[in-house]
Amino acid sequence: MEEIREKLEQIRVIWNNYIIRLKFFRNQCNLEPNSNHFGQVLDHFADSLHIVENYQVPTTHLSRYAFNITFLQTIYVQQDLIEEMHRIFKTGVNKSELKRDSNYSINRDIRNELVGHPIRREKGNGHLISSVTLKYQVQPNSIGYIRFEKNKNYQFEELEFSTFEMNKRHEDFLNLNLSVIQNQIQIILRKYLVKLNEIQKNIESKNISAIINLVACFYESFEFEDTLYSSHKIREVHSKAKFHDRYRTVIENYTSELSLHVTEMKNFISNSDSIVPKSKFNNLFNSNPYHYEIGGLFDKREFGNFAVYGRLLRTRIQNNSLALEELSFMENNIENEIDYYSSCHYLNFILHSVKST
């Protein structure tokens, strides 16, 4: 089952980092608005894989009965989860096609007869079709039952199935279908790669208006990387860029960080390795010897907090007139979100190469 766990984990990484965060991916899938039910599908697998992995049948009657129901029902539920994953990712595989796979149908028929419908009757007239009862005297690691069927004049019939073979069929079923689902996800990722290339092309040509529009349409989660990166705020910053370096600094940070994210995602799509997106704070501030004070100013804009961090920073930059001037500008514009945070970016830029005192 290790290969199955790896495939599920790869799908989970893509789900968490891309599908649930970006409209482009959600539009490629069958998902209800505001729903994370696919996360619940993955949770069901995580909770139940160990059940079908252990096909050792207990020897006592009560334990054997509980094992049979749990083992068979878990296989059944996981088959339904695979069907749901096909529906979500629009693979074109439906239940009719799944039934044509013996690795699916044999196990499902056993479950349906022993657990799902131990007594079966015809619709309408109610005539008995079959009845089954669990058989306890079976070979080790086997599930057996006794069947009385109308088509055989209700004659006594014994059936026995190896749990090892059932497990092997189910594992093959999961591996095959998870590969089909992964291939479909790769198709979606390749489509997204076209959009990433378009964003990268506009970054290189410095077409800021086009970049902002593309991010809003295809990479909207990037807008949460910084207070100023939402489309309407960054547009306002861009409109002021010709008036002062503080606004130009924000635009430069915006495009450079976006380029880093786009490169990471392109590498992920090409190499199929998981990534953890880099945070804005780590990118912009941690390499600055004044990152503690700048971080406090950036994350805690209330006036009381500004007084604390501003005072700490002011004592360390007494010989830097440009930095002192920008700190005063921040204090005077604390209620103006665009000016305040643009100034924070610019102050970080000013102090970036200054050695700590």
Protein backbone atom coordinates (compact mmCIF):
# COMPACT_ATOMS: atom_id res chain seq x y z
CA MET A 1 0.00 0.00 0.00
CA GLU A 2 3.00 2.32 0.17
CA GLU A 3 2.70 3.25 -3.50
CA ILE A 4 -0.97 4.11 -2.95
CA ARG A 5 -0.10 6.31 0.03
CA GLU A 6 2.50 8.15 -2.07
CA LYS A 7 0.00 8.79 -4.86
CA LEU A 8 -2.61 10.05 -2.42
CA GLU A 9 -0.05 12.32 -0.78
CA GLN A 10 1.00 13.76 -4.15
CA ILE A 11 -2.64 14.48 -4.94
CA ARG A 12 -3.09 16.06 -1.49
CA VAL A 13 -0.12 18.40 -2.06
CA ILE A 14 -1.59 19.59 -5.36
CA TRP A 15 -5.01 19.99 -3.77
CA ASN A 16 -3.72 22.05 -0.82
CA ASN A 17 -1.32 24.24 -2.80
CA TYR A 18 -3.25 24.77 -6.02
CA ILE A 19 -6.76 23.41 -6.48
CA ILE A 20 -8.34 24.71 -3.29
CA ARG A 21 -6.58 28.09 -3.61
CA LEU A 22 -7.01 29.00 -7.27
CA LYS A 23 -10.17 29.54 -9.33
CA PHE A 24 -8.47 28.25 -12.47
CA PHE A 25 -8.11 24.77 -10.94
CA ARG A 26 -11.54 24.75 -9.33
CA ASN A 27 -13.06 25.60 -12.71
CA GLN A 28 -11.34 22.54 -14.18
CA CYS A 29 -12.97 20.27 -11.58
CA ASN A 30 -16.46 19.30 -10.45
CA LEU A 31 -16.57 21.08 -7.10
CA GLU A 32 -19.36 22.68 -5.14
CA PRO A 33 -18.79 26.36 -4.29
CA ASN A 34 -17.06 26.84 -0.94
CA SER A 35 -16.81 23.08 -0.42
CA ASN A 36 -13.70 21.18 0.68
CA HIS A 37 -15.32 17.76 0.44
CA PHE A 38 -12.37 16.37 -1.52
CA GLY A 39 -10.30 16.94 1.61
CA GLN A 40 -12.74 14.61 3.36
CA VAL A 41 -12.24 12.02 0.61
CA LEU A 42 -8.50 12.05 1.32
CA ASP A 43 -9.14 11.88 5.07
CA HIS A 44 -11.27 8.76 4.59
CA PHE A 45 -8.40 7.09 2.75
CA ALA A 46 -5.92 8.11 5.45
CA ASP A 47 -8.20 6.66 8.14
CA SER A 48 -8.98 3.38 6.40
CA LEU A 49 -6.02 2.17 4.31
CA HIS A 50 -4.58 0.21 7.22
CA ILE A 51 -7.82 -1.81 7.45
CA VAL A 52 -7.54 -3.32 3.96
CA GLU A 53 -3.77 -3.54 4.33
CA ASN A 54 -4.21 -6.03 7.17
CA TYR A 55 -5.89 -9.10 5.66
CA GLN A 56 -5.08 -11.43 8.57
CA VAL A 57 -8.44 -12.90 9.64
CA PRO A 58 -8.95 -13.41 13.41
CA THR A 59 -9.74 -16.92 14.64
CA THR A 60 -12.55 -16.28 17.17
CA HIS A 61 -16.13 -16.13 15.86
CA LEU A 62 -17.00 -12.64 17.09
CA SER A 63 -13.72 -11.16 15.93
CA ARG A 64 -14.03 -12.89 12.56
CA TYR A 65 -17.54 -11.51 12.08
CA ALA A 66 -16.40 -7.95 12.89
CA PHE A 67 -13.35 -8.32 10.62
CA ASN A 68 -15.40 -9.54 7.66
CA ILE A 69 -17.81 -6.62 7.82
CA THR A 70 -15.06 -4.02 8.39
CA PHE A 71 -12.74 -5.42 5.69
CA LEU A 72 -15.42 -5.75 3.02
CA GLN A 73 -17.15 -2.47 3.82
CA THR A 74 -13.85 -0.57 3.72
CA ILE A 75 -13.11 -1.93 0.24
CA TYR A 76 -16.61 -0.89 -0.83
CA VAL A 77 -16.24 2.64 0.59
CA GLN A 78 -12.83 3.12 -1.03
CA GLN A 79 -14.26 2.04 -4.38
CA ASP A 80 -16.92 4.74 -3.97
CA LEU A 81 -14.23 7.27 -3.04
CA ILE A 82 -12.35 6.46 -6.24
CA GLU A 83 -15.56 6.94 -8.22
CA GLU A 84 -15.98 10.34 -6.55
CA MET A 85 -12.40 11.32 -7.41
CA HIS A 86 -13.05 10.44 -11.06
CA ARG A 87 -16.11 12.69 -10.98
CA ILE A 88 -14.25 15.57 -9.31
CA PHE A 89 -11.35 15.53 -11.78
CA LYS A 90 -13.50 14.87 -14.85
CA THR A 91 -11.57 11.81 -16.00
CA GLY A 92 -14.57 10.45 -17.93
CA VAL A 93 -14.51 7.21 -15.92
CA ASN A 94 -17.88 6.35 -14.41
CA LYS A 95 -19.33 3.45 -12.42
CA SER A 96 -20.22 1.49 -15.58
CA GLU A 97 -16.59 1.48 -16.62
CA LEU A 98 -15.42 0.60 -13.14
CA LYS A 99 -17.74 -2.43 -13.13
CA ARG A 100 -15.96 -3.81 -16.18
CA ASP A 101 -12.81 -4.17 -14.10
CA SER A 102 -12.83 -7.56 -12.35
CA ASN A 103 -10.64 -6.15 -9.58
CA TYR A 104 -13.60 -3.92 -8.77
CA SER A 105 -16.56 -6.17 -9.50
CA ILE A 106 -15.45 -9.41 -7.79
CA ASN A 107 -14.75 -7.71 -4.47
CA ARG A 108 -17.89 -5.59 -4.70
CA ASP A 109 -20.10 -8.62 -5.42
CA ILE A 110 -18.72 -10.41 -2.36
CA ARG A 111 -19.38 -7.38 -0.18
CA ASN A 112 -22.88 -6.84 -1.58
CA GLU A 113 -23.90 -10.43 -1.02
CA LEU A 114 -22.45 -10.94 2.46
CA VAL A 115 -22.72 -7.44 4.00
CA GLY A 116 -24.95 -5.29 1.83
CA HIS A 117 -27.84 -7.64 0.99
CA PRO A 118 -27.65 -10.95 2.87
CA ILE A 119 -31.36 -11.37 2.12
CA ARG A 120 -32.36 -10.42 -1.43
CA ARG A 121 -35.91 -10.30 -2.78
CA GLU A 122 -37.37 -9.44 -6.17
CA LYS A 123 -38.84 -6.00 -6.57
CA GLY A 124 -42.61 -6.02 -6.84
CA ASN A 125 -43.60 -9.58 -5.95
CA GLY A 126 -41.13 -9.90 -3.06
CA HIS A 127 -40.02 -13.42 -4.00
CA LEU A 128 -36.82 -14.54 -2.30
CA ILE A 129 -33.79 -14.41 -4.61
CA SER A 130 -31.10 -15.56 -2.19
CA SER A 131 -29.99 -15.63 1.42
CA VAL A 132 -26.53 -16.06 2.92
CA THR A 133 -25.01 -16.77 6.30
CA LEU A 134 -21.43 -16.47 7.44
CA LYS A 135 -19.30 -19.62 7.40
CA TYR A 136 -16.78 -19.98 10.21
CA GLN A 137 -15.01 -23.22 9.26
CA VAL A 138 -12.79 -21.84 6.50
CA GLN A 139 -9.15 -21.88 5.47
CA PRO A 140 -6.84 -19.41 7.28
CA ASN A 141 -7.15 -15.82 6.05
CA SER A 142 -10.33 -16.51 4.12
CA ILE A 143 -13.87 -15.20 4.15
CA GLY A 144 -16.59 -17.80 3.61
CA TYR A 145 -20.33 -17.95 3.58
CA ILE A 146 -23.18 -20.33 2.78
CA ARG A 147 -25.66 -19.30 0.08
CA PHE A 148 -29.18 -20.48 -0.75
CA GLU A 149 -30.19 -19.19 -4.19
CA LYS A 150 -33.48 -19.39 -6.08
CA ASN A 151 -31.74 -20.14 -9.40
CA LYS A 152 -30.28 -23.25 -7.79
CA ASN A 153 -33.51 -24.28 -6.11
CA TYR A 154 -32.20 -22.99 -2.78
CA GLN A 155 -29.63 -25.74 -2.60
CA PHE A 156 -26.87 -25.44 -0.02
CA GLU A 157 -23.77 -23.79 -1.56
CA GLU A 158 -20.46 -22.96 0.12
CA LEU A 159 -18.26 -20.08 -1.07
CA GLU A 160 -14.81 -19.13 0.17
CA PHE A 161 -12.51 -16.26 -0.80
CA SER A 162 -8.89 -15.54 0.11
CA THR A 163 -8.45 -12.20 1.85
CA PHE A 164 -4.95 -12.03 0.34
CA GLU A 165 -6.42 -12.21 -3.17
CA MET A 166 -9.11 -9.69 -2.27
CA ASN A 167 -6.47 -7.34 -0.94
CA LYS A 168 -4.35 -7.80 -4.09
CA ARG A 169 -7.32 -7.07 -6.37
CA HIS A 170 -8.18 -3.96 -4.39
CA GLU A 171 -4.60 -2.71 -4.35
CA ASP A 172 -4.35 -3.15 -8.12
CA PHE A 173 -7.67 -1.34 -8.51
CA LEU A 174 -6.52 1.61 -6.40
CA ASN A 175 -3.14 1.87 -8.11
CA LEU A 176 -4.62 1.87 -11.60
CA ASN A 177 -7.32 4.42 -10.88
CA LEU A 178 -5.11 6.75 -8.87
CA SER A 179 -2.70 6.75 -11.85
CA VAL A 180 -5.57 7.72 -14.17
CA ILE A 181 -6.55 10.52 -11.78
CA GLN A 182 -2.94 11.71 -11.51
CA ASN A 183 -2.67 11.80 -15.30
CA GLN A 184 -5.79 13.98 -15.45
CA ILE A 185 -4.33 16.31 -12.82
CA GLN A 186 -1.16 16.56 -14.91
CA ILE A 187 -3.27 17.66 -17.88
CA ILE A 188 -4.77 20.43 -15.73
CA LEU A 189 -1.32 21.44 -14.48
CA ARG A 190 -0.03 21.65 -18.05
CA LYS A 191 -2.89 23.97 -18.92
CA TYR A 192 -1.96 26.13 -15.95
CA LEU A 193 1.66 26.17 -17.08
CA VAL A 194 0.55 28.17 -20.13
CA LYS A 195 -0.88 30.84 -17.80
CA LEU A 196 2.28 30.89 -15.70
CA ASN A 197 4.38 31.39 -18.81
CA GLU A 198 2.14 34.30 -19.76
CA ILE A 199 2.62 35.89 -16.33
CA GLN A 200 6.39 35.37 -16.55
CA LYS A 201 6.51 36.91 -20.02
CA ASN A 202 4.78 40.06 -18.77
CA ILE A 203 7.06 40.24 -15.73
CA GLU A 204 10.05 40.21 -18.08
CA SER A 205 8.50 42.93 -20.24
CA LYS A 206 7.46 44.89 -17.10
CA ASN A 207 3.86 45.18 -18.24
CA ILE A 208 2.49 45.87 -14.77
CA SER A 209 -1.15 46.37 -15.78
CA ALA A 210 -1.21 43.03 -17.62
CA ILE A 211 0.51 41.32 -14.68
CA ILE A 212 -2.09 42.59 -12.22
CA ASN A 213 -4.93 41.40 -14.45
CA LEU A 214 -3.36 37.95 -14.94
CA VAL A 215 -2.73 37.52 -11.23
CA ALA A 216 -6.35 38.46 -10.45
CA CYS A 217 -7.60 35.86 -12.94
CA PHE A 218 -5.14 32.99 -12.54
CA TYR A 219 -3.12 33.41 -9.35
CA GLU A 220 -5.39 35.24 -6.94
CA SER A 221 -3.87 33.58 -3.87
CA PHE A 222 -0.73 35.65 -4.47
CA GLU A 223 -2.75 38.72 -3.56
CA PHE A 224 -2.68 37.51 0.07
CA GLU A 225 1.12 37.43 0.18
CA ASP A 226 1.27 41.09 1.17
CA THR A 227 -1.12 43.76 2.43
CA LEU A 228 -0.59 45.76 -0.77
CA TYR A 229 -0.79 42.92 -3.30
CA SER A 230 -4.56 42.85 -3.83
CA SER A 231 -5.39 44.00 -7.36
CA HIS A 232 -7.03 47.31 -6.39
CA LYS A 233 -4.26 48.26 -3.93
CA ILE A 234 -1.36 47.37 -6.21
CA ARG A 235 -3.00 49.34 -9.02
CA GLU A 236 -3.12 52.39 -6.78
CA VAL A 237 0.51 51.86 -5.78
CA HIS A 238 1.42 51.56 -9.47
CA SER A 239 -0.36 54.82 -10.24
CA LYS A 240 1.88 56.57 -7.68
CA ALA A 241 5.13 54.89 -8.74
CA LYS A 242 6.17 57.86 -10.90
CA PHE A 243 6.01 60.20 -7.89
CA HIS A 244 8.27 58.49 -5.33
CA ASP A 245 10.69 55.61 -4.86
CA ARG A 246 8.62 54.15 -2.02
CA TYR A 247 5.92 53.14 -4.50
CA ARG A 248 8.41 51.95 -7.09
CA THR A 249 9.96 49.75 -4.40
CA VAL A 250 6.60 48.06 -3.76
CA ILE A 251 6.17 47.36 -7.47
CA GLU A 252 9.70 45.93 -7.66
CA ASN A 253 9.04 43.71 -4.63
CA TYR A 254 5.70 42.65 -6.11
CA THR A 255 7.18 41.59 -9.46
CA SER A 256 10.30 39.96 -8.01
CA GLU A 257 8.35 37.93 -5.46
CA LEU A 258 5.75 37.00 -8.06
CA SER A 259 8.53 35.85 -10.38
CA LEU A 260 9.90 33.64 -7.59
CA HIS A 261 6.50 32.07 -6.97
CA VAL A 262 5.88 31.51 -10.68
CA THR A 263 9.30 29.88 -11.08
CA GLU A 264 8.61 27.58 -8.12
CA MET A 265 5.27 26.52 -9.54
CA LYS A 266 6.72 25.93 -13.00
CA ASN A 267 9.44 23.76 -11.45
CA PHE A 268 6.80 21.84 -9.50
CA ILE A 269 4.76 21.16 -12.61
CA SER A 270 7.85 20.10 -14.54
CA ASN A 271 9.41 17.97 -11.79
CA SER A 272 6.29 16.80 -9.92
CA ASP A 273 7.92 17.65 -6.57
CA SER A 274 5.99 19.29 -3.78
CA ILE A 275 6.83 22.84 -2.79
CA VAL A 276 6.14 25.00 0.21
CA PRO A 277 5.55 28.57 -1.03
CA LYS A 278 7.95 31.06 0.52
CA SER A 279 6.35 33.62 2.78
CA LYS A 280 6.47 37.35 2.19
CA PHE A 281 8.00 38.05 5.60
CA ASN A 282 10.88 35.62 5.06
CA ASN A 283 11.54 36.95 1.56
CA LEU A 284 11.43 40.64 2.31
CA PHE A 285 12.46 41.13 5.89
CA ASN A 286 14.43 38.31 7.54
CA SER A 287 17.65 39.10 5.70
CA ASN A 288 17.49 42.69 6.96
CA PRO A 289 19.47 43.37 10.20
CA TYR A 290 16.49 45.48 11.28
CA HIS A 291 13.96 42.74 10.52
CA TYR A 292 12.58 42.68 14.08
CA GLU A 293 11.62 46.36 14.05
CA ILE A 294 10.51 46.38 10.40
CA GLY A 295 8.46 43.24 10.96
CA GLY A 296 6.74 44.85 13.93
CA LEU A 297 5.94 47.95 11.92
CA PHE A 298 4.61 45.88 9.05
CA ASP A 299 2.44 43.44 10.99
CA LYS A 300 1.24 45.69 13.81
CA ARG A 301 -0.01 48.97 12.40
CA GLU A 302 -1.93 50.15 15.46
CA PHE A 303 -0.54 53.45 16.76
CA GLY A 304 0.55 51.99 20.11
CA ASN A 305 2.56 49.26 18.41
CA PHE A 306 4.02 51.74 15.96
CA ALA A 307 5.26 53.82 18.89
CA VAL A 308 7.06 50.80 20.34
CA TYR A 309 8.71 49.52 17.16
CA GLY A 310 9.22 52.99 15.71
CA ARG A 311 11.05 54.10 18.86
CA LEU A 312 13.26 50.99 18.81
CA LEU A 313 14.15 51.55 15.17
CA ARG A 314 14.71 55.29 15.56
CA THR A 315 17.39 54.69 18.22
CA ARG A 316 19.31 52.48 15.76
CA ILE A 317 19.16 54.70 12.66
CA GLN A 318 20.14 58.09 14.05
CA ASN A 319 22.86 58.51 11.42
CA ASN A 320 20.61 57.64 8.47
CA SER A 321 18.68 60.78 7.55
CA LEU A 322 16.80 59.15 4.64
CA ALA A 323 15.56 56.32 6.89
CA LEU A 324 14.55 58.76 9.62
CA GLU A 325 12.65 60.84 7.08
CA GLU A 326 10.77 57.74 5.83
CA LEU A 327 9.98 56.63 9.38
CA SER A 328 8.45 60.04 10.03
CA PHE A 329 6.44 59.72 6.82
CA MET A 330 5.06 56.39 8.05
CA GLU A 331 4.07 57.89 11.38
CA ASN A 332 2.29 60.80 9.69
CA ASN A 333 0.43 58.45 7.32
CA ILE A 334 -0.45 55.66 9.70
CA GLU A 335 -4.13 55.87 8.69
CA ASN A 336 -3.36 55.69 4.96
CA GLU A 337 -2.90 52.02 4.14
CA ILE A 338 -1.30 52.53 0.73
CA ASP A 339 1.20 55.17 1.88
CA TYR A 340 1.99 53.47 5.20
CA TYR A 341 2.77 50.03 3.81
CA SER A 342 4.54 51.43 0.74
CA SER A 343 6.74 53.37 3.13
CA CYS A 344 7.39 50.19 5.10
CA HIS A 345 8.62 48.48 1.92
CA TYR A 346 10.81 51.46 1.08
CA LEU A 347 12.25 51.73 4.60
CA ASN A 348 13.15 48.04 4.44
CA PHE A 349 14.90 48.72 1.11
CA ILE A 350 16.83 51.67 2.57
CA LEU A 351 18.04 49.66 5.55
CA HIS A 352 18.57 46.37 3.72
CA SER A 353 22.32 46.77 3.25
CA VAL A 354 23.00 48.69 6.45
CA LYS A 355 24.95 46.77 9.08
CA SER A 356 23.31 46.28 12.45
CA THR A 357 24.49 48.71 15.16
